[in-house]
Structure formats: C-alpha cells, structure tokens
Amino acid sequence: MLDTLERNDSAGAAANAEHFDVLIAGAGISGIGSAYHLQQQCSGKSYVVLEMKDTFGGTWETHKYPGVRSDSDLYTFGYRFKPWVGAPIASADEILKYMGEVIEENHIGPNIRYGHRITGCSWSSADNRWTVEAVDKTGATKRFTCNFLWMCQGYYDHEKPYIPDWEGLNDYKGQFVHAQLWDPKTDYAGKRILVIGSGATAATVVPAFAEKAAHVTMLQRSPTYFFCSENKNELADRLREIGIDEPTIHRVVRAQIMYDQDMMTKRCQTEPEVVFEELKELVRAFTGKPDFEFEPHFTPKYRVWQQRLAFCPNGDVFRAAVEGKVTVVTDTIDRFTEKGVRTSSGEEIEADIIVAATGFRLSVMGDIPFSVDGKPVNWSDTVTYRGMMFTGVPNMAWVMGYFRASWTLRVDMMGDFVCNLLNHMDEVGAKRVDVQLRPEDAGMPLAPWIEEDNFNPGYLMRGLDKMPRRGDKPEWRHNQDYWAEKDQIPATDLTGAEFKYS
C-alpha cells in the first residue's frame, strides 16, 4: 500500500512539473560552463539552470569586499573554450563580465531561471527521474523533473559564513562583519580596521583597506604562504606582441601555466624548504628589503600547498606592511572587548571596524535534502566515484573543482565526462546509471573524503564528517591532482564494472 501511495505521489508531482532532460543547479562558474558543454556535446537534450540568486556569478556575485579578485590565474581559471584577454589575476567585475559574455555568446540565458532556491531533490526508481522542488522569489513552489541532475552549486554556504564562537562578541561597540557579507557601501576611509584571518580573503582585503584606512591590523592564528608575482604573463604578452591569435595564446599559455604548476606542486612535496626560500626571495624583491623579517608572522606551520598558496600581486600585502600601513599580529583571541579584541597574550587591538576573514561554512550539495525512493540520502554513507558521482545516488554528478589548480579546469573536464556518459546512456538505451563498488573492491577500506596531510583547509576539516567517503583506489577518491586526472578521466571506460546501467 505504501509503495502505491509513493508512486501516486510521484505521478502527481510529475504531472504538475516542467520536465527537462538535464537540470543544472547553480549559475556560477561551474553551472555556466556545464551548460555550455551540454549544449555543444548533447545538443538534442533540453535543460534548465536553477539559480537562487537574481543573477549569475555565484562566488563572484556573493563577495563584494574591497579588492575582491581571483586567486587563480584567469588563463586557467577561464574556460578552455573562451580565451582570456587581460591580466592573469582579475577583479570580480572582470570575471562577471567574462561570464556574461559566455552566456550571451552561447544563448544560455533563456535556459536560466533566476530566483529559484532548490528545496528538495527526490529520485524515483519507478520513473527513473528526479523531482526537484524550488521556491521562486514570490514564495511559490515550483516543481521540475529531469532525467539527470548536474549539481554545480559549489561547496560552501553563500549566506552563512563561518564565524567562530568568540567570547564577548556582543560587547564590541564598533562595526563587526564577515568579509563574505561585506556591504560595498560601507565607508572605511580613515578608520582603524582589524582583519581576523590570513588566507586568500585576508590577502586580498588587507592591502585594499590599507589604501584608505587609517591603519589595518591583520590578526592571524597562524601564518599563510604567499606567492608574490607581477600581475602579468610575459609569455602571453610576448605572443600578442608578435601577432599570435588569441585562441592560440590561450591554449599555449594555459599549457605553460599548468606545466609550471605541476612542477611547483611536486617540488612542494619533495623540497618544501627550498620552495619556501624561493617564496621569501620574492617577498624581499618586491619590498626592496633584503633583511625582511619572516619570523614569527610569515613562517607557516604546515607544508607549502597543504592549504591554498595565496597569490600576492606585486607583493602588495608585504609592501603595505613595510610602509607601515599594515601591522601583523600572530596570536589567538581571548575575547572581544568594547573597543576591539584582546589576544591571548593580553594585547588589546582597538578597531573601528572588525572584519572576519575566517572562511566558509562547508555546504554539501547546497544543504539540499536528497532522497532516493523515499529514503533520505546521508552523503557520508556514500562512496565517491572520482569526486563526481556517488554510490546509491543514480543519475547525478557533482562538480567539485580543484584547489591546487584552477577550479574551472575540472568544470571543463567534467563537462566532457558527463556529456560522454549521457551520450553513452542513449547509445545503450539506458534510463539510469549508478556507480557501484566492483568485485575487486570488496573489503576496500573507506576513509574521509581527503587525507589531512594532502589538503587541510579549515572549512573542509570542520565539515569532513558530512562529506562522502573515499576508497584507496583512484576510481574511488577525489585526489585533487589535475595532472593525473587530465589523462585518467578522458580515458574512463564507461562499460566498466563500476557503472551499472538499467
């Protein structure tokens, strides 16, 4: 009787729903790239993109703090199909302009439904389709059904950033804000600003604040590695100078950057001390101070590239420190006070504005409730297939990009993979695809999503128990190694035992 009711509910929902072959969640850098690949490689399939915001952009629309910019070079962060023309480190506005051109040039816009917040995704094996519920900007519930669900909503909560449970926060009489929620109308000229944190966001906002603020203090629990470089690509500039066309420049420069990044990643593992000395030399060169002091504020406790290596164009953070505009304090917070923050060592840092650059709150699948045949999905009970698909969850892929290489490299790669998978399903007449452990995987030990020694940013470590599990074989993990995956994923045998079609 219960099965009959569930089938009737499913049929009722489907009758009142718009149906598409593919539903893409999110119109950020992942969703727009995925839509492009779907149009190009599966041109006969209908699709819709559901975006909770009122416009495209994702991360680049969320963050509005001073100086917001990429921390990956745009030659590799840009899509492989659209050449990037400009400085390698770009502002959010420049990235949004680039994305807007992709949407317009490829007529993606009519397929995007803005102001649609997904509230639930349920799979019916009886119908071999997903039902996706969303609430639009009027508060009305909309239903969609699709054969395949392509999750491109990112990995963090865009509305609730991570703020530690600091004692006395309510005692502070000044202005407190997390960088993710910064209002660009805020006037900070002539103000004393305290930035808590030292990662990529702090590296961006600190020198930007320093241009107008009375003074900026960066309070960090532990130091971060910084890579200082001019914001230009000499190879790209030279190729333009001699008249090479932009598509060729884009392809060649991407190849050069990815080769250099591969060498850097390997060297960070084999000779991290040497790499750190080279990073120090870059700081000395950009500040003009051969005696620049790195202890204690610029000597991290972890190995290079265990967390993101923060890009520092023209050494701006260090130059601001040398010029006396920025003070760095390495300590933990004892409590907030009326005037600012008291550190564990007893120092009180007074500030008119305190900006928390304390990172993200991990959001697995957008914190959207998922169910398969009426049973809720607990992602930590699933095993990931290459960080893209999950055991027990059919007809779905999730775009989780790279952190050491540009996120978008995996968007393009997964675009190929998903489209090949969809085309293969059509060829064999399959309505459903699952990933499953193979006979040779019996007894395979399962572990958290990623090894702490491999990549350990705070937001991931805080929410690791919510993430899918990994195995000890390449197929059953997201290894963060673009240089291995660029060969492995295109060579995927879609007839392999890990894929079950029905």
Protein backbone atom coordinates (compact mmCIF):
# COMPACT_ATOMS: atom_id res chain seq x y z
CA MET A 1 0.00 0.00 0.00
CA LEU A 2 2.82 2.43 0.90
CA ASP A 3 4.57 1.75 -2.43
CA THR A 4 1.32 2.52 -4.24
CA LEU A 5 0.97 5.84 -2.39
CA GLU A 6 4.57 6.79 -3.19
CA ARG A 7 4.00 6.02 -6.87
CA ASN A 8 0.83 8.08 -6.87
CA ASP A 9 2.62 10.99 -5.16
CA SER A 10 5.42 10.76 -7.71
CA ALA A 11 2.97 10.71 -10.59
CA GLY A 12 1.11 13.69 -9.14
CA ALA A 13 4.28 15.71 -8.73
CA ALA A 14 5.39 14.86 -12.27
CA ALA A 15 2.04 15.90 -13.70
CA ASN A 16 2.46 19.39 -12.22
CA ALA A 17 6.13 19.75 -13.12
CA GLU A 18 8.16 21.01 -16.05
CA HIS A 19 10.33 18.25 -17.44
CA PHE A 20 13.88 18.56 -18.78
CA ASP A 21 16.46 16.02 -19.82
CA VAL A 22 19.03 17.68 -17.56
CA LEU A 23 18.68 20.06 -14.63
CA ILE A 24 21.74 22.09 -13.64
CA ALA A 25 21.83 23.52 -10.11
CA GLY A 26 23.61 26.87 -9.97
CA ALA A 27 24.59 29.59 -12.44
CA GLY A 28 28.08 30.20 -11.13
CA ILE A 29 31.34 29.39 -12.87
CA SER A 30 30.54 25.64 -12.75
CA GLY A 31 26.93 25.86 -13.90
CA ILE A 32 27.57 28.16 -16.84
CA GLY A 33 30.50 26.05 -18.04
CA SER A 34 28.44 22.86 -17.70
CA ALA A 35 25.56 24.40 -19.64
CA TYR A 36 27.94 25.29 -22.46
CA HIS A 37 29.31 21.77 -22.69
CA LEU A 38 25.83 20.26 -22.60
CA GLN A 39 24.73 22.47 -25.48
CA GLN A 40 27.82 21.64 -27.51
CA GLN A 41 28.10 17.93 -26.85
CA CYS A 42 24.47 16.88 -26.23
CA SER A 43 22.71 19.40 -28.44
CA GLY A 44 19.45 17.49 -28.57
CA LYS A 45 18.88 17.50 -24.83
CA SER A 46 16.65 20.01 -23.08
CA TYR A 47 17.94 21.60 -19.92
CA VAL A 48 17.28 24.24 -17.31
CA VAL A 49 19.59 26.02 -14.86
CA LEU A 50 18.11 26.88 -11.47
CA GLU A 51 19.87 29.71 -9.65
CA MET A 52 18.85 31.00 -6.21
CA LYS A 53 20.34 34.46 -6.79
CA ASP A 54 18.81 37.08 -9.06
CA THR A 55 21.78 36.95 -11.40
CA PHE A 56 24.65 34.70 -12.48
CA GLY A 57 28.11 34.61 -10.97
CA GLY A 58 27.98 32.51 -7.81
CA THR A 59 31.12 33.28 -5.79
CA TRP A 60 31.83 36.39 -7.83
CA GLU A 61 28.39 37.79 -7.09
CA THR A 62 28.47 36.84 -3.39
CA HIS A 63 31.73 38.51 -2.42
CA LYS A 64 31.80 42.30 -2.56
CA TYR A 65 34.60 43.21 -0.18
CA PRO A 66 37.24 45.76 -1.28
CA GLY A 67 39.69 44.44 -3.85
CA VAL A 68 37.85 41.13 -4.43
CA ARG A 69 39.77 39.26 -7.09
CA SER A 70 40.71 35.82 -8.30
CA ASP A 71 43.49 33.92 -6.58
CA SER A 72 43.92 31.68 -9.63
CA ASP A 73 45.27 32.96 -12.93
CA LEU A 74 42.50 33.59 -15.45
CA TYR A 75 44.29 31.77 -18.23
CA THR A 76 43.48 28.52 -16.43
CA PHE A 77 40.51 29.73 -14.40
CA GLY A 78 38.84 30.91 -17.59
CA TYR A 79 37.12 28.24 -19.63
CA ARG A 80 39.16 26.36 -22.21
CA PHE A 81 36.66 27.37 -24.91
CA LYS A 82 36.85 31.14 -24.38
CA PRO A 83 40.22 32.89 -24.40
CA TRP A 84 41.02 35.18 -21.50
CA VAL A 85 42.43 38.54 -22.56
CA GLY A 86 43.88 40.63 -19.77
CA ALA A 87 45.92 40.44 -16.59
CA PRO A 88 46.08 36.91 -15.11
CA ILE A 89 44.67 38.00 -11.73
CA ALA A 90 41.31 39.64 -12.34
CA SER A 91 38.73 41.51 -10.31
CA ALA A 92 35.28 40.08 -9.61
CA ASP A 93 33.78 42.61 -12.04
CA GLU A 94 36.08 41.45 -14.82
CA ILE A 95 35.22 37.80 -14.16
CA LEU A 96 31.49 38.58 -14.16
CA LYS A 97 31.88 40.40 -17.47
CA TYR A 98 33.66 37.35 -18.91
CA MET A 99 30.89 35.03 -17.67
CA GLY A 100 28.23 37.34 -19.07
CA GLU A 101 29.88 37.15 -22.48
CA VAL A 102 29.84 33.33 -22.30
CA ILE A 103 26.10 33.40 -21.53
CA GLU A 104 25.31 35.88 -24.30
CA GLU A 105 27.55 34.41 -26.99
CA ASN A 106 26.15 30.92 -26.45
CA HIS A 107 22.50 31.88 -25.84
CA ILE A 108 22.48 30.23 -22.42
CA GLY A 109 20.38 32.97 -20.79
CA PRO A 110 16.91 31.71 -21.82
CA ASN A 111 17.66 28.42 -20.03
CA ILE A 112 18.41 30.05 -16.65
CA ARG A 113 15.69 30.52 -14.03
CA TYR A 114 16.93 33.10 -11.54
CA GLY A 115 15.46 33.47 -8.06
CA HIS A 116 14.80 29.74 -7.75
CA ARG A 117 16.05 28.20 -4.49
CA ILE A 118 16.08 24.40 -4.60
CA THR A 119 14.42 22.94 -1.51
CA GLY A 120 14.46 19.22 -2.27
CA CYS A 121 15.56 16.57 -4.75
CA SER A 122 13.92 13.15 -4.82
CA TRP A 123 14.67 10.21 -7.10
CA SER A 124 12.03 7.71 -8.18
CA SER A 125 13.28 4.36 -9.47
CA ALA A 126 9.78 3.62 -10.74
CA ASP A 127 10.00 6.63 -13.07
CA ASN A 128 13.80 6.82 -13.47
CA ARG A 129 13.74 10.52 -12.88
CA TRP A 130 14.40 13.23 -10.33
CA THR A 131 11.77 15.57 -8.97
CA VAL A 132 13.26 18.88 -7.92
CA GLU A 133 11.29 21.37 -5.85
CA ALA A 134 12.25 25.03 -5.72
CA VAL A 135 10.82 28.20 -4.23
CA ASP A 136 10.84 31.22 -6.52
CA LYS A 137 11.22 34.86 -5.49
CA THR A 138 7.44 35.19 -4.96
CA GLY A 139 7.47 32.32 -2.48
CA ALA A 140 5.68 29.97 -4.86
CA THR A 141 6.80 26.34 -5.03
CA LYS A 142 7.90 25.19 -8.46
CA ARG A 143 8.40 21.56 -9.49
CA PHE A 144 10.72 20.23 -12.12
CA THR A 145 11.51 16.71 -13.23
CA CYS A 146 14.65 15.63 -15.00
CA ASN A 147 16.42 12.54 -16.19
CA PHE A 148 19.81 13.69 -14.94
CA LEU A 149 20.81 16.09 -12.16
CA TRP A 150 24.01 18.12 -12.52
CA MET A 151 24.93 19.77 -9.21
CA CYS A 152 27.00 22.92 -9.81
CA GLN A 153 26.08 24.89 -6.69
CA GLY A 154 29.57 24.89 -5.17
CA TYR A 155 30.78 23.73 -1.79
CA TYR A 156 30.05 26.49 0.74
CA ASP A 157 27.10 28.36 2.20
CA HIS A 158 26.76 31.72 0.42
CA GLU A 159 24.59 33.21 3.16
CA LYS A 160 26.06 31.93 6.43
CA PRO A 161 29.85 32.18 6.59
CA TYR A 162 31.94 30.58 9.30
CA ILE A 163 32.29 32.76 12.38
CA PRO A 164 33.97 31.20 15.43
CA ASP A 165 32.15 31.32 18.74
CA TRP A 166 34.18 34.20 20.13
CA GLU A 167 33.62 35.23 23.72
CA GLY A 168 32.34 38.76 24.17
CA LEU A 169 31.47 39.42 20.54
CA ASN A 170 28.29 41.23 21.61
CA ASP A 171 30.36 43.50 23.86
CA TYR A 172 32.10 45.08 20.89
CA LYS A 173 30.70 48.57 20.16
CA GLY A 174 32.20 49.05 16.72
CA GLN A 175 31.15 47.54 13.39
CA PHE A 176 31.64 43.80 13.00
CA VAL A 177 31.16 41.97 9.69
CA HIS A 178 32.32 38.81 7.99
CA ALA A 179 34.10 39.57 4.70
CA GLN A 180 31.59 37.37 2.84
CA LEU A 181 28.78 39.70 3.98
CA TRP A 182 30.59 42.99 3.38
CA ASP A 183 28.39 45.86 2.18
CA PRO A 184 30.27 47.77 -0.56
CA LYS A 185 28.55 50.98 0.56
CA THR A 186 30.50 50.89 3.84
CA ASP A 187 32.77 53.91 4.30
CA TYR A 188 36.04 52.82 5.86
CA ALA A 189 38.20 55.80 4.92
CA GLY A 190 40.25 56.97 7.91
CA LYS A 191 39.07 54.09 10.08
CA ARG A 192 41.12 51.63 12.11
CA ILE A 193 40.40 48.19 10.69
CA LEU A 194 41.14 44.82 12.21
CA VAL A 195 41.06 41.84 9.83
CA ILE A 196 40.92 38.45 11.53
CA GLY A 197 42.44 35.77 9.31
CA SER A 198 45.35 35.34 6.94
CA GLY A 199 44.12 33.28 3.99
CA ALA A 200 43.27 34.29 0.44
CA THR A 201 40.48 36.66 1.51
CA ALA A 202 42.68 38.47 4.01
CA ALA A 203 45.48 38.65 1.44
CA THR A 204 43.06 40.46 -0.86
CA VAL A 205 41.23 42.74 1.54
CA VAL A 206 44.14 43.89 3.73
CA PRO A 207 46.08 45.81 1.02
CA ALA A 208 42.80 47.16 -0.38
CA PHE A 209 41.76 48.51 3.04
CA ALA A 210 45.23 49.94 3.54
CA GLU A 211 44.75 52.36 0.64
CA LYS A 212 42.11 54.38 2.53
CA ALA A 213 42.07 53.24 6.16
CA ALA A 214 43.91 54.99 8.94
CA HIS A 215 45.58 51.69 9.73
CA VAL A 216 44.98 47.98 9.19
CA THR A 217 45.87 45.19 11.59
CA MET A 218 45.85 41.58 10.41
CA LEU A 219 45.36 39.22 13.33
CA GLN A 220 46.21 35.66 12.41
CA ARG A 221 46.17 32.46 14.40
CA SER A 222 48.91 31.09 12.17
CA PRO A 223 50.77 32.39 9.10
CA THR A 224 49.99 31.64 5.45
CA TYR A 225 52.29 31.08 2.49
CA PHE A 226 52.22 33.83 -0.13
CA PHE A 227 53.38 33.74 -3.73
CA CYS A 228 54.41 37.20 -4.94
CA SER A 229 54.47 37.99 -8.62
CA GLU A 230 53.74 40.76 -11.07
CA ASN A 231 50.16 40.66 -12.33
CA LYS A 232 51.09 39.87 -15.90
CA ASN A 233 52.00 36.91 -18.05
CA GLU A 234 55.13 37.57 -20.05
CA LEU A 235 54.52 34.69 -22.46
CA ALA A 236 51.01 35.93 -23.30
CA ASP A 237 52.25 39.49 -23.72
CA ARG A 238 55.07 38.39 -25.99
CA LEU A 239 52.82 36.22 -28.16
CA ARG A 240 50.41 39.13 -28.57
CA GLU A 241 53.30 41.40 -29.48
CA ILE A 242 54.31 39.17 -32.38
CA GLY A 243 50.72 38.83 -33.62
CA ILE A 244 49.62 35.39 -32.46
CA ASP A 245 45.83 34.93 -32.38
CA GLU A 246 44.07 34.85 -29.01
CA PRO A 247 42.83 31.21 -29.16
CA THR A 248 46.40 30.05 -29.74
CA ILE A 249 47.72 32.31 -26.98
CA HIS A 250 45.07 30.93 -24.63
CA ARG A 251 45.96 27.33 -25.41
CA VAL A 252 49.74 27.80 -25.20
CA VAL A 253 49.70 29.94 -22.05
CA ARG A 254 47.33 27.51 -20.30
CA ALA A 255 49.71 24.67 -21.14
CA GLN A 256 52.72 26.59 -19.83
CA ILE A 257 50.98 27.61 -16.59
CA MET A 258 49.73 24.09 -15.92
CA TYR A 259 53.19 22.69 -16.54
CA ASP A 260 54.70 25.22 -14.12
CA GLN A 261 52.03 24.46 -11.52
CA ASP A 262 52.69 20.73 -11.84
CA MET A 263 56.39 21.29 -11.23
CA MET A 264 55.62 23.54 -8.25
CA THR A 265 53.25 21.00 -6.71
CA LYS A 266 55.83 18.24 -7.00
CA ARG A 267 58.58 20.43 -5.59
CA CYS A 268 56.37 21.40 -2.62
CA GLN A 269 56.30 17.70 -1.75
CA THR A 270 59.93 16.84 -2.45
CA GLU A 271 61.75 20.04 -1.39
CA PRO A 272 59.36 22.26 0.56
CA GLU A 273 62.17 24.09 2.38
CA VAL A 274 63.76 25.12 -0.93
CA VAL A 275 60.41 26.35 -2.25
CA PHE A 276 59.85 28.39 0.90
CA GLU A 277 63.23 30.06 0.50
CA GLU A 278 62.27 30.98 -3.06
CA LEU A 279 58.98 32.45 -1.85
CA LYS A 280 60.95 34.50 0.67
CA GLU A 281 63.22 35.85 -2.06
CA LEU A 282 60.19 37.07 -3.98
CA VAL A 283 58.98 38.95 -0.90
CA ARG A 284 62.40 40.54 -0.46
CA ALA A 285 62.47 41.56 -4.11
CA PHE A 286 59.04 43.21 -4.11
CA THR A 287 59.56 45.03 -0.82
CA GLY A 288 63.13 46.04 -1.61
CA LYS A 289 64.17 44.81 1.83
CA PRO A 290 66.88 42.13 1.74
CA ASP A 291 66.55 41.88 5.53
CA PHE A 292 62.76 41.42 5.58
CA GLU A 293 61.94 39.56 8.80
CA PHE A 294 59.77 36.44 8.35
CA GLU A 295 59.68 35.27 11.97
CA PRO A 296 57.18 34.94 13.50
CA HIS A 297 54.44 36.35 11.29
CA PHE A 298 55.31 34.83 7.93
CA THR A 299 56.57 31.34 8.75
CA PRO A 300 53.67 28.85 8.47
CA LYS A 301 53.47 25.66 10.50
CA TYR A 302 52.33 23.47 7.59
CA ARG A 303 54.00 22.35 4.36
CA VAL A 304 53.62 24.52 1.27
CA TRP A 305 50.39 23.64 -0.59
CA GLN A 306 48.72 21.74 2.23
CA GLN A 307 46.45 24.77 2.07
CA ARG A 308 45.96 27.22 -0.78
CA LEU A 309 49.02 29.24 -1.68
CA ALA A 310 47.75 32.83 -1.51
CA PHE A 311 48.67 34.89 -4.57
CA CYS A 312 50.05 38.31 -3.76
CA PRO A 313 50.23 40.54 -6.88
CA ASN A 314 53.27 42.77 -6.77
CA GLY A 315 53.81 41.81 -3.13
CA ASP A 316 51.07 44.24 -2.09
CA VAL A 317 50.48 42.82 1.42
CA PHE A 318 54.17 42.91 2.25
CA ARG A 319 54.74 46.34 0.76
CA ALA A 320 51.85 47.72 2.84
CA ALA A 321 53.47 46.21 5.94
CA VAL A 322 56.87 47.70 5.12
CA GLU A 323 55.26 51.10 4.51
CA GLY A 324 53.70 50.99 7.99
CA LYS A 325 50.11 50.81 6.75
CA VAL A 326 49.60 47.25 7.99
CA THR A 327 50.54 45.57 11.25
CA VAL A 328 50.55 41.80 11.55
CA VAL A 329 49.80 40.13 14.89
CA THR A 330 50.15 36.36 15.32
CA ASP A 331 48.09 35.27 18.30
CA THR A 332 44.76 33.77 19.28
CA ILE A 333 41.73 35.67 20.53
CA ASP A 334 40.97 35.67 24.24
CA ARG A 335 37.79 37.73 23.88
CA PHE A 336 36.20 40.74 22.25
CA THR A 337 36.06 43.98 24.20
CA GLU A 338 34.08 47.18 23.78
CA LYS A 339 36.90 48.70 21.74
CA GLY A 340 38.20 45.69 19.86
CA VAL A 341 39.87 42.38 20.62
CA ARG A 342 42.07 41.17 23.45
CA THR A 343 44.54 38.50 22.41
CA SER A 344 45.63 35.54 24.50
CA SER A 345 48.89 37.31 25.25
CA GLY A 346 46.98 40.23 26.77
CA GLU A 347 47.31 42.79 23.96
CA GLU A 348 44.18 44.81 23.17
CA ILE A 349 43.76 45.72 19.50
CA GLU A 350 41.38 48.63 19.14
CA ALA A 351 39.42 48.99 15.90
CA ASP A 352 36.52 50.93 14.43
CA ILE A 353 35.67 48.05 12.09
CA ILE A 354 36.44 44.35 12.61
CA VAL A 355 36.30 42.13 9.54
CA ALA A 356 36.27 38.37 9.99
CA ALA A 357 38.09 36.64 7.13
CA THR A 358 37.61 33.30 8.83
CA GLY A 359 36.47 31.23 5.90
CA PHE A 360 33.50 29.30 4.67
CA ARG A 361 30.93 27.01 6.14
CA LEU A 362 31.04 23.79 4.15
CA SER A 363 27.79 23.04 2.36
CA VAL A 364 27.47 19.56 0.86
CA MET A 365 25.11 19.63 -2.13
CA GLY A 366 23.88 23.04 -1.05
CA ASP A 367 22.46 21.52 2.16
CA ILE A 368 19.53 20.44 -0.02
CA PRO A 369 17.58 17.41 1.29
CA PHE A 370 18.01 14.46 -1.10
CA SER A 371 16.11 11.21 -1.13
CA VAL A 372 16.20 8.06 -3.23
CA ASP A 373 12.92 6.13 -3.36
CA GLY A 374 11.73 7.88 -0.24
CA LYS A 375 14.87 7.22 1.80
CA PRO A 376 16.93 10.31 2.82
CA VAL A 377 20.46 10.41 1.45
CA ASN A 378 23.24 10.71 4.02
CA TRP A 379 26.24 11.71 1.96
CA SER A 380 28.71 10.33 4.49
CA ASP A 381 27.20 6.88 3.83
CA THR A 382 28.09 7.08 0.14
CA VAL A 383 31.40 6.41 -1.58
CA THR A 384 32.55 8.87 -4.21
CA TYR A 385 33.48 7.93 -7.75
CA ARG A 386 36.36 10.30 -8.59
CA GLY A 387 34.71 13.09 -6.59
CA MET A 388 31.95 13.30 -9.24
CA MET A 389 29.32 10.60 -8.59
CA PHE A 390 28.21 8.66 -5.53
CA THR A 391 27.16 5.13 -4.72
CA GLY A 392 23.45 4.76 -4.10
CA VAL A 393 22.58 8.03 -5.89
CA PRO A 394 21.68 7.45 -9.57
CA ASN A 395 21.80 9.87 -12.49
CA MET A 396 23.63 12.62 -10.67
CA ALA A 397 27.01 14.33 -10.87
CA TRP A 398 28.55 16.99 -8.62
CA VAL A 399 31.16 19.47 -9.78
CA MET A 400 33.83 19.76 -7.11
CA GLY A 401 36.77 21.62 -8.61
CA TYR A 402 40.44 21.76 -7.82
CA PHE A 403 42.09 23.76 -5.07
CA ARG A 404 45.72 23.49 -6.13
CA ALA A 405 44.89 24.04 -9.77
CA SER A 406 42.11 26.29 -11.07
CA TRP A 407 38.61 25.16 -10.17
CA THR A 408 37.43 25.57 -13.75
CA LEU A 409 39.84 23.01 -15.15
CA ARG A 410 37.61 20.36 -13.59
CA VAL A 411 34.45 22.08 -14.83
CA ASP A 412 35.65 21.59 -18.41
CA MET A 413 36.85 18.05 -17.73
CA MET A 414 33.60 17.06 -16.05
CA GLY A 415 31.66 18.65 -18.90
CA ASP A 416 33.27 16.13 -21.22
CA PHE A 417 32.73 13.25 -18.80
CA VAL A 418 29.04 13.92 -18.10
CA CYS A 419 28.24 14.50 -21.76
CA ASN A 420 30.06 11.30 -22.76
CA LEU A 421 28.09 9.46 -20.07
CA LEU A 422 24.75 10.87 -21.25
CA ASN A 423 25.54 10.02 -24.87
CA HIS A 424 26.61 6.51 -23.88
CA MET A 425 23.33 6.01 -22.00
CA ASP A 426 21.44 6.97 -25.15
CA GLU A 427 23.51 4.57 -27.23
CA VAL A 428 22.78 1.59 -24.97
CA GLY A 429 19.18 2.62 -24.28
CA ALA A 430 19.73 3.12 -20.54
CA LYS A 431 17.47 5.33 -18.44
CA ARG A 432 19.54 5.00 -15.29
CA VAL A 433 23.20 4.84 -14.33
CA ASP A 434 24.61 4.02 -10.90
CA VAL A 435 28.20 3.81 -9.73
CA GLN A 436 28.90 0.72 -7.67
CA LEU A 437 31.84 -0.93 -5.98
CA ARG A 438 33.26 -3.72 -8.14
CA PRO A 439 34.01 -7.28 -7.03
CA GLU A 440 37.68 -6.33 -6.73
CA ASP A 441 36.67 -3.51 -4.36
CA ALA A 442 35.20 -5.89 -1.78
CA GLY A 443 36.65 -5.14 1.62
CA MET A 444 38.24 -1.90 0.41
CA PRO A 445 38.92 0.31 3.44
CA LEU A 446 36.95 3.55 3.45
CA ALA A 447 38.26 6.85 4.77
CA PRO A 448 37.27 10.54 4.91
CA TRP A 449 36.95 12.50 1.65
CA ILE A 450 40.60 13.60 1.63
CA GLU A 451 43.73 12.96 3.65
CA GLU A 452 44.50 15.73 6.13
CA ASP A 453 48.15 15.60 5.08
CA ASN A 454 47.14 16.18 1.46
CA PHE A 455 44.86 19.21 1.78
CA ASN A 456 43.55 20.56 5.07
CA PRO A 457 41.82 23.97 4.94
CA GLY A 458 39.73 24.73 7.99
CA TYR A 459 36.33 24.72 6.27
CA LEU A 460 36.95 21.22 4.93
CA MET A 461 38.30 19.82 8.19
CA ARG A 462 35.33 21.27 10.12
CA GLY A 463 32.80 19.52 7.89
CA LEU A 464 34.69 16.43 6.76
CA ASP A 465 32.24 14.10 8.52
CA LYS A 466 29.45 15.36 6.23
CA MET A 467 31.30 14.52 3.04
CA PRO A 468 31.14 11.26 1.07
CA ARG A 469 33.76 8.62 1.81
CA ARG A 470 36.70 7.61 -0.35
CA GLY A 471 38.43 4.34 -1.05
CA ASP A 472 42.11 3.62 -1.57
CA LYS A 473 41.93 3.29 -5.37
CA PRO A 474 42.00 6.14 -7.92
CA GLU A 475 38.43 5.46 -9.04
CA TRP A 476 37.05 5.94 -5.54
CA ARG A 477 38.57 9.25 -4.49
CA HIS A 478 38.93 12.89 -5.43
CA ASN A 479 42.66 13.19 -5.42
CA GLN A 480 42.99 16.93 -6.22
CA ASP A 481 45.57 16.02 -8.88
CA TYR A 482 44.58 17.65 -12.15
CA TRP A 483 47.73 16.43 -13.84
CA ALA A 484 46.79 12.81 -13.23
CA GLU A 485 43.08 13.25 -13.87
CA LYS A 486 43.55 15.05 -17.20
CA ASP A 487 44.64 11.67 -18.57
CA GLN A 488 42.59 9.33 -16.36
CA ILE A 489 39.11 10.84 -16.68
CA PRO A 490 39.05 11.19 -20.50
CA ALA A 491 40.19 7.55 -20.67
CA THR A 492 37.29 6.35 -18.49
CA ASP A 493 35.80 3.07 -19.72
CA LEU A 494 32.06 3.73 -19.45
CA THR A 495 31.43 -0.02 -19.85
CA GLY A 496 33.49 -0.79 -16.75
CA ALA A 497 32.06 -2.75 -13.83
CA GLU A 498 31.82 0.41 -11.71
CA PHE A 499 28.96 1.59 -13.94
CA LYS A 500 25.58 -0.12 -13.75
CA TYR A 501 23.04 0.76 -16.45
CA SER A 502 19.36 -0.07 -16.47
